[in-house]
Amino acid sequence: MRSRLREFEGAALDDTVEGRWRALSTTFPLSEAPSAHRALEERRTVGEVVLLP
């Protein structure tokens, strides 16, 4: 079981490095922080919410 998990981890990391997979995130400009909070509260986001400067 452990070797299968290691195999999966390795494949996921390879896919990330090769650009075949990306983490799910939603970005908002910092100036729209209130909108980002509303989106979180209303569960309109998937994955991470990132505020950009």
C-alpha atoms as a PDB file:
ATOM      1  CA  MET A   1       0.000   0.000   0.000  1.00  0.00           C
ATOM      2  CA  ARG A   2       2.773   2.432   0.925  1.00  0.00           C
ATOM      3  CA  SER A   3       4.650   1.862  -2.348  1.00  0.00           C
ATOM      4  CA  ARG A   4       1.438   2.537  -4.285  1.00  0.00           C
ATOM      5  CA  LEU A   5       1.014   5.841  -2.437  1.00  0.00           C
ATOM      6  CA  ARG A   6       4.624   6.788  -3.215  1.00  0.00           C
ATOM      7  CA  GLU A   7       3.976   5.949  -6.877  1.00  0.00           C
ATOM      8  CA  PHE A   8       0.885   8.181  -6.900  1.00  0.00           C
ATOM      9  CA  GLU A   9       2.777  11.030  -5.192  1.00  0.00           C
ATOM     10  CA  GLY A  10       5.600  10.776  -7.696  1.00  0.00           C
ATOM     11  CA  ALA A  11       3.195  10.828 -10.641  1.00  0.00           C
ATOM     12  CA  ALA A  12       1.339  13.846  -9.211  1.00  0.00           C
ATOM     13  CA  LEU A  13       4.580  15.763  -8.708  1.00  0.00           C
ATOM     14  CA  ASP A  14       5.763  14.880 -12.213  1.00  0.00           C
ATOM     15  CA  ASP A  15       2.439  16.088 -13.663  1.00  0.00           C
ATOM     16  CA  THR A  16       2.756  19.339 -11.730  1.00  0.00           C
ATOM     17  CA  VAL A  17       6.310  19.962 -12.926  1.00  0.00           C
ATOM     18  CA  GLU A  18       5.309  19.205 -16.524  1.00  0.00           C
ATOM     19  CA  GLY A  19       2.320  21.578 -16.334  1.00  0.00           C
ATOM     20  CA  ARG A  20      -0.291  18.841 -16.775  1.00  0.00           C
ATOM     21  CA  TRP A  21      -1.845  19.566 -13.371  1.00  0.00           C
ATOM     22  CA  ARG A  22      -2.418  22.736 -11.374  1.00  0.00           C
ATOM     23  CA  ALA A  23      -3.728  23.350  -7.903  1.00  0.00           C
ATOM     24  CA  LEU A  24      -7.259  24.716  -7.789  1.00  0.00           C
ATOM     25  CA  SER A  25      -7.331  28.327  -6.724  1.00  0.00           C
ATOM     26  CA  THR A  26      -9.348  31.488  -7.149  1.00  0.00           C
ATOM     27  CA  THR A  27      -7.555  34.822  -7.237  1.00  0.00           C
ATOM     28  CA  PHE A  28      -8.738  38.312  -6.386  1.00  0.00           C
ATOM     29  CA  PRO A  29      -6.901  41.625  -6.434  1.00  0.00           C
ATOM     30  CA  LEU A  30      -6.193  42.836  -2.918  1.00  0.00           C
ATOM     31  CA  SER A  31      -8.449  45.807  -3.621  1.00  0.00           C
ATOM     32  CA  GLU A  32     -11.341  43.332  -3.946  1.00  0.00           C
ATOM     33  CA  ALA A  33     -10.758  41.616  -0.583  1.00  0.00           C
ATOM     34  CA  PRO A  34     -14.377  42.208   0.528  1.00  0.00           C
ATOM     35  CA  SER A  35     -15.585  40.413  -2.620  1.00  0.00           C
ATOM     36  CA  ALA A  36     -13.211  37.535  -1.890  1.00  0.00           C
ATOM     37  CA  HIS A  37     -14.626  37.198   1.623  1.00  0.00           C
ATOM     38  CA  ARG A  38     -18.183  37.197   0.294  1.00  0.00           C
ATOM     39  CA  ALA A  39     -17.275  34.533  -2.263  1.00  0.00           C
ATOM     40  CA  LEU A  40     -15.824  32.376   0.531  1.00  0.00           C
ATOM     41  CA  GLU A  41     -18.852  32.857   2.757  1.00  0.00           C
ATOM     42  CA  GLU A  42     -21.197  32.002  -0.110  1.00  0.00           C
ATOM     43  CA  ARG A  43     -19.099  28.976  -1.089  1.00  0.00           C
ATOM     44  CA  ARG A  44     -18.554  30.277  -4.629  1.00  0.00           C
ATOM     45  CA  THR A  45     -14.862  29.330  -4.649  1.00  0.00           C
ATOM     46  CA  VAL A  46     -12.954  26.125  -5.313  1.00  0.00           C
ATOM     47  CA  GLY A  47      -9.635  25.400  -3.646  1.00  0.00           C
ATOM     48  CA  GLU A  48      -7.493  28.196  -2.295  1.00  0.00           C
ATOM     49  CA  VAL A  49      -8.446  31.848  -2.356  1.00  0.00           C
ATOM     50  CA  VAL A  50      -5.443  34.071  -3.078  1.00  0.00           C
ATOM     51  CA  LEU A  51      -5.353  37.856  -2.775  1.00  0.00           C
ATOM     52  CA  LEU A  52      -2.885  39.422  -5.217  1.00  0.00           C
ATOM     53  CA  PRO A  53      -1.133  42.735  -4.538  1.00  0.00           C
END
